[in-house]
Amino acid sequence: KAIDAKAIEYGISYNRFMHVGNQKEEGIKWL
């Protein structure tokens, strides 16, 4: 969240992702 805020502060193009494919379960990172 601090990284998100820093990206907004500097006004850079930014994205964050977590999931592999279509599997979305809260709190789990899939490899």
PDB file of all heavy atoms in Angstrom:
ATOM      1  N   LYS A   1       0.827  -1.202   0.000  1.00  0.00           N
ATOM      2  CA  LYS A   1       0.000   0.000   0.000  1.00  0.00           C
ATOM      3  C   LYS A   1       0.861   1.252   0.000  1.00  0.00           C
ATOM      4  O   LYS A   1       0.517   2.265  -0.627  1.00  0.00           O
ATOM      5  CB  LYS A   1      -0.952  -0.013   1.201  1.00  0.00           C
ATOM      6  CG  LYS A   1      -2.048  -1.054   1.075  1.00  0.00           C
ATOM      7  CD  LYS A   1      -3.041  -0.961   2.230  1.00  0.00           C
ATOM      8  CE  LYS A   1      -4.159  -1.990   2.049  1.00  0.00           C
ATOM      9  NZ  LYS A   1      -5.147  -1.937   3.164  1.00  0.00           N
ATOM     10  N   ALA A   2       1.997   1.188   0.672  1.00  0.00           N
ATOM     11  CA  ALA A   2       2.926   2.324   0.660  1.00  0.00           C
ATOM     12  C   ALA A   2       3.533   2.500  -0.730  1.00  0.00           C
ATOM     13  O   ALA A   2       3.772   3.634  -1.179  1.00  0.00           O
ATOM     14  CB  ALA A   2       4.027   2.121   1.701  1.00  0.00           C
ATOM     15  N   ILE A   3       3.779   1.389  -1.421  1.00  0.00           N
ATOM     16  CA  ILE A   3       4.273   1.461  -2.796  1.00  0.00           C
ATOM     17  C   ILE A   3       3.221   2.082  -3.700  1.00  0.00           C
ATOM     18  O   ILE A   3       3.530   2.940  -4.542  1.00  0.00           O
ATOM     19  CB  ILE A   3       4.677   0.057  -3.293  1.00  0.00           C
ATOM     20  CG1 ILE A   3       5.874  -0.465  -2.502  1.00  0.00           C
ATOM     21  CG2 ILE A   3       4.995   0.088  -4.798  1.00  0.00           C
ATOM     22  CD1 ILE A   3       6.217  -1.915  -2.798  1.00  0.00           C
ATOM     23  N   ASP A   4       1.961   1.675  -3.502  1.00  0.00           N
ATOM     24  CA  ASP A   4       0.865   2.270  -4.272  1.00  0.00           C
ATOM     25  C   ASP A   4       0.843   3.787  -4.082  1.00  0.00           C
ATOM     26  O   ASP A   4       0.700   4.553  -5.037  1.00  0.00           O
ATOM     27  CB  ASP A   4      -0.485   1.694  -3.830  1.00  0.00           C
ATOM     28  CG  ASP A   4      -0.608   0.190  -4.079  1.00  0.00           C
ATOM     29  OD1 ASP A   4       0.219  -0.362  -4.827  1.00  0.00           O
ATOM     30  OD2 ASP A   4      -1.540  -0.416  -3.514  1.00  0.00           O
ATOM     31  N   ALA A   5       0.972   4.210  -2.831  1.00  0.00           N
ATOM     32  CA  ALA A   5       0.922   5.642  -2.519  1.00  0.00           C
ATOM     33  C   ALA A   5       2.103   6.383  -3.145  1.00  0.00           C
ATOM     34  O   ALA A   5       1.954   7.521  -3.638  1.00  0.00           O
ATOM     35  CB  ALA A   5       0.915   5.841  -1.005  1.00  0.00           C
ATOM     36  N   LYS A   6       3.254   5.760  -3.128  1.00  0.00           N
ATOM     37  CA  LYS A   6       4.438   6.397  -3.717  1.00  0.00           C
ATOM     38  C   LYS A   6       4.276   6.548  -5.235  1.00  0.00           C
ATOM     39  O   LYS A   6       4.675   7.574  -5.808  1.00  0.00           O
ATOM     40  CB  LYS A   6       5.673   5.555  -3.401  1.00  0.00           C
ATOM     41  CG  LYS A   6       7.003   6.226  -3.707  1.00  0.00           C
ATOM     42  CD  LYS A   6       7.222   7.453  -2.859  1.00  0.00           C
ATOM     43  CE  LYS A   6       7.336   7.146  -1.381  1.00  0.00           C
ATOM     44  NZ  LYS A   6       7.604   8.375  -0.589  1.00  0.00           N
ATOM     45  N   ALA A   7       3.690   5.568  -5.874  1.00  0.00           N
ATOM     46  CA  ALA A   7       3.447   5.671  -7.315  1.00  0.00           C
ATOM     47  C   ALA A   7       2.505   6.831  -7.624  1.00  0.00           C
ATOM     48  O   ALA A   7       2.695   7.569  -8.594  1.00  0.00           O
ATOM     49  CB  ALA A   7       2.869   4.359  -7.837  1.00  0.00           C
ATOM     50  N   ILE A   8       1.483   6.999  -6.778  1.00  0.00           N
ATOM     51  CA  ILE A   8       0.554   8.117  -6.963  1.00  0.00           C
ATOM     52  C   ILE A   8       1.265   9.447  -6.722  1.00  0.00           C
ATOM     53  O   ILE A   8       1.093  10.423  -7.460  1.00  0.00           O
ATOM     54  CB  ILE A   8      -0.652   7.973  -6.006  1.00  0.00           C
ATOM     55  CG1 ILE A   8      -1.482   6.742  -6.412  1.00  0.00           C
ATOM     56  CG2 ILE A   8      -1.510   9.232  -6.015  1.00  0.00           C
ATOM     57  CD1 ILE A   8      -2.572   6.386  -5.421  1.00  0.00           C
ATOM     58  N   GLU A   9       2.102   9.497  -5.695  1.00  0.00           N
ATOM     59  CA  GLU A   9       2.839  10.719  -5.362  1.00  0.00           C
ATOM     60  C   GLU A   9       3.710  11.197  -6.527  1.00  0.00           C
ATOM     61  O   GLU A   9       3.741  12.388  -6.837  1.00  0.00           O
ATOM     62  CB  GLU A   9       3.707  10.468  -4.134  1.00  0.00           C
ATOM     63  CG  GLU A   9       4.586  11.644  -3.739  1.00  0.00           C
ATOM     64  CD  GLU A   9       5.554  11.295  -2.614  1.00  0.00           C
ATOM     65  OE1 GLU A   9       5.298  10.310  -1.876  1.00  0.00           O
ATOM     66  OE2 GLU A   9       6.580  11.999  -2.481  1.00  0.00           O
ATOM     67  N   TYR A  10       4.380  10.243  -7.189  1.00  0.00           N
ATOM     68  CA  TYR A  10       5.264  10.617  -8.291  1.00  0.00           C
ATOM     69  C   TYR A  10       4.527  10.695  -9.630  1.00  0.00           C
ATOM     70  O   TYR A  10       5.100  11.133 -10.628  1.00  0.00           O
ATOM     71  CB  TYR A  10       6.428   9.631  -8.389  1.00  0.00           C
ATOM     72  CG  TYR A  10       7.556   9.956  -7.436  1.00  0.00           C
ATOM     73  CD1 TYR A  10       7.564   9.437  -6.142  1.00  0.00           C
ATOM     74  CD2 TYR A  10       8.597  10.799  -7.810  1.00  0.00           C
ATOM     75  CE1 TYR A  10       8.585   9.735  -5.249  1.00  0.00           C
ATOM     76  CE2 TYR A  10       9.628  11.104  -6.927  1.00  0.00           C
ATOM     77  CZ  TYR A  10       9.616  10.574  -5.652  1.00  0.00           C
ATOM     78  OH  TYR A  10      10.622  10.883  -4.771  1.00  0.00           O
ATOM     79  N   GLY A  11       3.289  10.240  -9.643  1.00  0.00           N
ATOM     80  CA  GLY A  11       2.505  10.321 -10.866  1.00  0.00           C
ATOM     81  C   GLY A  11       3.019   9.433 -11.983  1.00  0.00           C
ATOM     82  O   GLY A  11       2.975   9.803 -13.161  1.00  0.00           O
ATOM     83  N   ILE A  12       3.502   8.246 -11.613  1.00  0.00           N
ATOM     84  CA  ILE A  12       4.027   7.340 -12.635  1.00  0.00           C
ATOM     85  C   ILE A  12       2.935   6.376 -13.096  1.00  0.00           C
ATOM     86  O   ILE A  12       1.937   6.159 -12.409  1.00  0.00           O
ATOM     87  CB  ILE A  12       5.240   6.531 -12.115  1.00  0.00           C
ATOM     88  CG1 ILE A  12       4.800   5.575 -11.001  1.00  0.00           C
ATOM     89  CG2 ILE A  12       6.347   7.449 -11.648  1.00  0.00           C
ATOM     90  CD1 ILE A  12       5.863   4.556 -10.635  1.00  0.00           C
ATOM     91  N   SER A  13       3.141   5.786 -14.266  1.00  0.00           N
ATOM     92  CA  SER A  13       2.252   4.725 -14.742  1.00  0.00           C
ATOM     93  C   SER A  13       2.564   3.472 -13.942  1.00  0.00           C
ATOM     94  O   SER A  13       3.723   3.046 -13.862  1.00  0.00           O
ATOM     95  CB  SER A  13       2.475   4.468 -16.236  1.00  0.00           C
ATOM     96  OG  SER A  13       2.190   5.616 -16.985  1.00  0.00           O
ATOM     97  N   TYR A  14       1.541   2.886 -13.335  1.00  0.00           N
ATOM     98  CA  TYR A  14       1.784   1.852 -12.324  1.00  0.00           C
ATOM     99  C   TYR A  14       0.657   0.829 -12.323  1.00  0.00           C
ATOM    100  O   TYR A  14      -0.509   1.164 -12.541  1.00  0.00           O
ATOM    101  CB  TYR A  14       1.877   2.534 -10.958  1.00  0.00           C
ATOM    102  CG  TYR A  14       1.913   1.616  -9.765  1.00  0.00           C
ATOM    103  CD1 TYR A  14       3.054   0.884  -9.455  1.00  0.00           C
ATOM    104  CD2 TYR A  14       0.808   1.497  -8.922  1.00  0.00           C
ATOM    105  CE1 TYR A  14       3.095   0.055  -8.337  1.00  0.00           C
ATOM    106  CE2 TYR A  14       0.829   0.676  -7.803  1.00  0.00           C
ATOM    107  CZ  TYR A  14       1.975  -0.039  -7.511  1.00  0.00           C
ATOM    108  OH  TYR A  14       2.019  -0.864  -6.413  1.00  0.00           O
ATOM    109  N   ASN A  15       1.028  -0.415 -12.063  1.00  0.00           N
ATOM    110  CA  ASN A  15       0.029  -1.468 -11.918  1.00  0.00           C
ATOM    111  C   ASN A  15       0.578  -2.506 -10.953  1.00  0.00           C
ATOM    112  O   ASN A  15       1.791  -2.648 -10.788  1.00  0.00           O
ATOM    113  CB  ASN A  15      -0.290  -2.109 -13.269  1.00  0.00           C
ATOM    114  CG  ASN A  15      -1.557  -2.949 -13.230  1.00  0.00           C
ATOM    115  OD1 ASN A  15      -2.304  -2.928 -12.262  1.00  0.00           O
ATOM    116  ND2 ASN A  15      -1.798  -3.697 -14.296  1.00  0.00           N
ATOM    117  N   ARG A  16      -0.319  -3.216 -10.322  1.00  0.00           N
ATOM    118  CA  ARG A  16       0.069  -4.261  -9.393  1.00  0.00           C
ATOM    119  C   ARG A  16      -0.838  -5.461  -9.618  1.00  0.00           C
ATOM    120  O   ARG A  16      -2.042  -5.308  -9.794  1.00  0.00           O
ATOM    121  CB  ARG A  16      -0.064  -3.753  -7.962  1.00  0.00           C
ATOM    122  CG  ARG A  16       0.396  -4.750  -6.906  1.00  0.00           C
ATOM    123  CD  ARG A  16       0.863  -4.031  -5.644  1.00  0.00           C
ATOM    124  NE  ARG A  16      -0.159  -3.279  -4.951  1.00  0.00           N
ATOM    125  CZ  ARG A  16      -0.958  -3.791  -4.004  1.00  0.00           C
ATOM    126  NH1 ARG A  16      -0.880  -5.077  -3.700  1.00  0.00           N
ATOM    127  NH2 ARG A  16      -1.835  -3.033  -3.393  1.00  0.00           N
ATOM    128  N   PHE A  17      -0.254  -6.651  -9.626  1.00  0.00           N
ATOM    129  CA  PHE A  17      -1.081  -7.837  -9.791  1.00  0.00           C
ATOM    130  C   PHE A  17      -0.577  -8.951  -8.891  1.00  0.00           C
ATOM    131  O   PHE A  17       0.544  -8.919  -8.406  1.00  0.00           O
ATOM    132  CB  PHE A  17      -1.141  -8.286 -11.253  1.00  0.00           C
ATOM    133  CG  PHE A  17       0.100  -8.961 -11.751  1.00  0.00           C
ATOM    134  CD1 PHE A  17       0.231 -10.341 -11.704  1.00  0.00           C
ATOM    135  CD2 PHE A  17       1.151  -8.229 -12.281  1.00  0.00           C
ATOM    136  CE1 PHE A  17       1.374 -10.974 -12.171  1.00  0.00           C
ATOM    137  CE2 PHE A  17       2.298  -8.849 -12.739  1.00  0.00           C
ATOM    138  CZ  PHE A  17       2.410 -10.212 -12.686  1.00  0.00           C
ATOM    139  N   MET A  18      -1.438  -9.950  -8.738  1.00  0.00           N
ATOM    140  CA  MET A  18      -1.129 -11.021  -7.788  1.00  0.00           C
ATOM    141  C   MET A  18      -1.348 -12.407  -8.355  1.00  0.00           C
ATOM    142  O   MET A  18      -0.656 -13.338  -8.021  1.00  0.00           O
ATOM    143  CB  MET A  18      -1.979 -10.860  -6.528  1.00  0.00           C
ATOM    144  CG  MET A  18      -1.730 -11.904  -5.451  1.00  0.00           C
ATOM    145  SD  MET A  18      -2.607 -11.492  -3.939  1.00  0.00           S
ATOM    146  CE  MET A  18      -2.078 -12.817  -2.869  1.00  0.00           C
ATOM    147  N   HIS A  19      -2.335 -12.554  -9.249  1.00  0.00           N
ATOM    148  CA  HIS A  19      -2.831 -13.885  -9.579  1.00  0.00           C
ATOM    149  C   HIS A  19      -2.281 -14.407 -10.896  1.00  0.00           C
ATOM    150  O   HIS A  19      -1.939 -13.658 -11.793  1.00  0.00           O
ATOM    151  CB  HIS A  19      -4.358 -13.881  -9.624  1.00  0.00           C
ATOM    152  CG  HIS A  19      -4.971 -13.341  -8.367  1.00  0.00           C
ATOM    153  ND1 HIS A  19      -4.989 -14.042  -7.191  1.00  0.00           N
ATOM    154  CD2 HIS A  19      -5.572 -12.150  -8.105  1.00  0.00           C
ATOM    155  CE1 HIS A  19      -5.572 -13.324  -6.246  1.00  0.00           C
ATOM    156  NE2 HIS A  19      -5.937 -12.173  -6.769  1.00  0.00           N
ATOM    157  N   VAL A  20      -2.246 -15.713 -11.001  1.00  0.00           N
ATOM    158  CA  VAL A  20      -1.898 -16.407 -12.229  1.00  0.00           C
ATOM    159  C   VAL A  20      -3.180 -16.903 -12.875  1.00  0.00           C
ATOM    160  O   VAL A  20      -4.015 -17.516 -12.220  1.00  0.00           O
ATOM    161  CB  VAL A  20      -0.957 -17.598 -11.953  1.00  0.00           C
ATOM    162  CG1 VAL A  20      -0.857 -18.494 -13.171  1.00  0.00           C
ATOM    163  CG2 VAL A  20       0.429 -17.091 -11.558  1.00  0.00           C
ATOM    164  N   GLY A  21      -3.322 -16.663 -14.179  1.00  0.00           N
ATOM    165  CA  GLY A  21      -4.499 -17.152 -14.883  1.00  0.00           C
ATOM    166  C   GLY A  21      -5.768 -16.525 -14.333  1.00  0.00           C
ATOM    167  O   GLY A  21      -5.808 -15.358 -13.979  1.00  0.00           O
ATOM    168  N   ASN A  22      -6.830 -17.312 -14.201  1.00  0.00           N
ATOM    169  CA  ASN A  22      -8.118 -16.822 -13.731  1.00  0.00           C
ATOM    170  C   ASN A  22      -8.402 -17.191 -12.279  1.00  0.00           C
ATOM    171  O   ASN A  22      -9.501 -17.007 -11.795  1.00  0.00           O
ATOM    172  CB  ASN A  22      -9.244 -17.379 -14.621  1.00  0.00           C
ATOM    173  CG  ASN A  22      -9.145 -16.852 -16.026  1.00  0.00           C
ATOM    174  OD1 ASN A  22      -8.766 -15.716 -16.220  1.00  0.00           O
ATOM    175  ND2 ASN A  22      -9.471 -17.682 -16.999  1.00  0.00           N
ATOM    176  N   GLN A  23      -7.401 -17.731 -11.590  1.00  0.00           N
ATOM    177  CA  GLN A  23      -7.618 -18.164 -10.211  1.00  0.00           C
ATOM    178  C   GLN A  23      -7.472 -16.982  -9.265  1.00  0.00           C
ATOM    179  O   GLN A  23      -6.418 -16.367  -9.188  1.00  0.00           O
ATOM    180  CB  GLN A  23      -6.613 -19.265  -9.842  1.00  0.00           C
ATOM    181  CG  GLN A  23      -6.682 -20.489 -10.737  1.00  0.00           C
ATOM    182  CD  GLN A  23      -8.017 -21.192 -10.611  1.00  0.00           C
ATOM    183  OE1 GLN A  23      -8.654 -21.157  -9.563  1.00  0.00           O
ATOM    184  NE2 GLN A  23      -8.446 -21.853 -11.671  1.00  0.00           N
ATOM    185  N   LYS A  24      -8.519 -16.634  -8.564  1.00  0.00           N
ATOM    186  CA  LYS A  24      -8.496 -15.502  -7.648  1.00  0.00           C
ATOM    187  C   LYS A  24      -9.043 -15.933  -6.289  1.00  0.00           C
ATOM    188  O   LYS A  24     -10.236 -16.129  -6.126  1.00  0.00           O
ATOM    189  CB  LYS A  24      -9.309 -14.338  -8.208  1.00  0.00           C
ATOM    190  CG  LYS A  24      -8.722 -13.748  -9.476  1.00  0.00           C
ATOM    191  CD  LYS A  24      -9.466 -12.499  -9.908  1.00  0.00           C
ATOM    192  CE  LYS A  24      -8.845 -11.905 -11.152  1.00  0.00           C
ATOM    193  NZ  LYS A  24      -9.547 -10.674 -11.588  1.00  0.00           N
ATOM    194  N   GLU A  25      -8.150 -16.090  -5.326  1.00  0.00           N
ATOM    195  CA  GLU A  25      -8.538 -16.393  -3.965  1.00  0.00           C
ATOM    196  C   GLU A  25      -7.827 -15.401  -3.057  1.00  0.00           C
ATOM    197  O   GLU A  25      -6.619 -15.205  -3.153  1.00  0.00           O
ATOM    198  CB  GLU A  25      -8.163 -17.835  -3.597  1.00  0.00           C
ATOM    199  CG  GLU A  25      -8.919 -18.882  -4.415  1.00  0.00           C
ATOM    200  CD  GLU A  25      -8.538 -20.299  -4.009  1.00  0.00           C
ATOM    201  OE1 GLU A  25      -8.255 -20.517  -2.822  1.00  0.00           O
ATOM    202  OE2 GLU A  25      -8.528 -21.166  -4.894  1.00  0.00           O
ATOM    203  N   GLU A  26      -8.572 -14.748  -2.200  1.00  0.00           N
ATOM    204  CA  GLU A  26      -8.037 -13.674  -1.383  1.00  0.00           C
ATOM    205  C   GLU A  26      -6.843 -14.145  -0.562  1.00  0.00           C
ATOM    206  O   GLU A  26      -6.891 -15.157   0.126  1.00  0.00           O
ATOM    207  CB  GLU A  26      -9.126 -13.138  -0.449  1.00  0.00           C
ATOM    208  CG  GLU A  26      -8.764 -11.833   0.229  1.00  0.00           C
ATOM    209  CD  GLU A  26      -8.600 -10.699  -0.763  1.00  0.00           C
ATOM    210  OE1 GLU A  26      -9.306 -10.713  -1.789  1.00  0.00           O
ATOM    211  OE2 GLU A  26      -7.776  -9.824  -0.498  1.00  0.00           O
ATOM    212  N   GLY A  27      -5.747 -13.398  -0.639  1.00  0.00           N
ATOM    213  CA  GLY A  27      -4.581 -13.675   0.190  1.00  0.00           C
ATOM    214  C   GLY A  27      -3.664 -14.758  -0.323  1.00  0.00           C
ATOM    215  O   GLY A  27      -2.673 -15.076   0.327  1.00  0.00           O
ATOM    216  N   ILE A  28      -3.964 -15.335  -1.482  1.00  0.00           N
ATOM    217  CA  ILE A  28      -3.125 -16.420  -2.012  1.00  0.00           C
ATOM    218  C   ILE A  28      -2.442 -15.962  -3.294  1.00  0.00           C
ATOM    219  O   ILE A  28      -3.068 -15.384  -4.175  1.00  0.00           O
ATOM    220  CB  ILE A  28      -3.956 -17.687  -2.300  1.00  0.00           C
ATOM    221  CG1 ILE A  28      -4.544 -18.234  -0.997  1.00  0.00           C
ATOM    222  CG2 ILE A  28      -3.098 -18.761  -2.967  1.00  0.00           C
ATOM    223  CD1 ILE A  28      -5.444 -19.437  -1.197  1.00  0.00           C
ATOM    224  N   LYS A  29      -1.147 -16.183  -3.371  1.00  0.00           N
ATOM    225  CA  LYS A  29      -0.400 -15.925  -4.596  1.00  0.00           C
ATOM    226  C   LYS A  29      -0.147 -17.262  -5.275  1.00  0.00           C
ATOM    227  O   LYS A  29       0.399 -18.195  -4.687  1.00  0.00           O
ATOM    228  CB  LYS A  29       0.927 -15.234  -4.280  1.00  0.00           C
ATOM    229  CG  LYS A  29       1.932 -15.244  -5.422  1.00  0.00           C
ATOM    230  CD  LYS A  29       1.469 -14.441  -6.606  1.00  0.00           C
ATOM    231  CE  LYS A  29       2.500 -14.509  -7.731  1.00  0.00           C
ATOM    232  NZ  LYS A  29       2.032 -13.870  -8.953  1.00  0.00           N
ATOM    233  N   TRP A  30      -0.566 -17.350  -6.534  1.00  0.00           N
ATOM    234  CA  TRP A  30      -0.384 -18.579  -7.297  1.00  0.00           C
ATOM    235  C   TRP A  30       0.808 -18.449  -8.223  1.00  0.00           C
ATOM    236  O   TRP A  30       1.034 -17.420  -8.834  1.00  0.00           O
ATOM    237  CB  TRP A  30      -1.636 -18.886  -8.118  1.00  0.00           C
ATOM    238  CG  TRP A  30      -2.835 -19.208  -7.292  1.00  0.00           C
ATOM    239  CD1 TRP A  30      -3.885 -18.384  -7.019  1.00  0.00           C
ATOM    240  CD2 TRP A  30      -3.114 -20.433  -6.627  1.00  0.00           C
ATOM    241  NE1 TRP A  30      -4.800 -19.011  -6.216  1.00  0.00           N
ATOM    242  CE2 TRP A  30      -4.357 -20.280  -5.965  1.00  0.00           C
ATOM    243  CE3 TRP A  30      -2.444 -21.649  -6.518  1.00  0.00           C
ATOM    244  CZ2 TRP A  30      -4.927 -21.294  -5.205  1.00  0.00           C
ATOM    245  CZ3 TRP A  30      -3.030 -22.664  -5.767  1.00  0.00           C
ATOM    246  CH2 TRP A  30      -4.244 -22.487  -5.122  1.00  0.00           C
ATOM    247  N   LEU A  31       1.583 -19.510  -8.310  1.00  0.00           N
ATOM    248  CA  LEU A  31       2.685 -19.611  -9.256  1.00  0.00           C
ATOM    249  C   LEU A  31       2.338 -20.685 -10.274  1.00  0.00           C
ATOM    250  O   LEU A  31       1.399 -21.452 -10.102  1.00  0.00           O
ATOM    251  CB  LEU A  31       3.979 -19.996  -8.521  1.00  0.00           C
ATOM    252  CG  LEU A  31       4.405 -19.094  -7.361  1.00  0.00           C
ATOM    253  CD1 LEU A  31       5.609 -19.705  -6.662  1.00  0.00           C
ATOM    254  CD2 LEU A  31       4.719 -17.691  -7.850  1.00  0.00           C
TER     255      LEU A  31
END
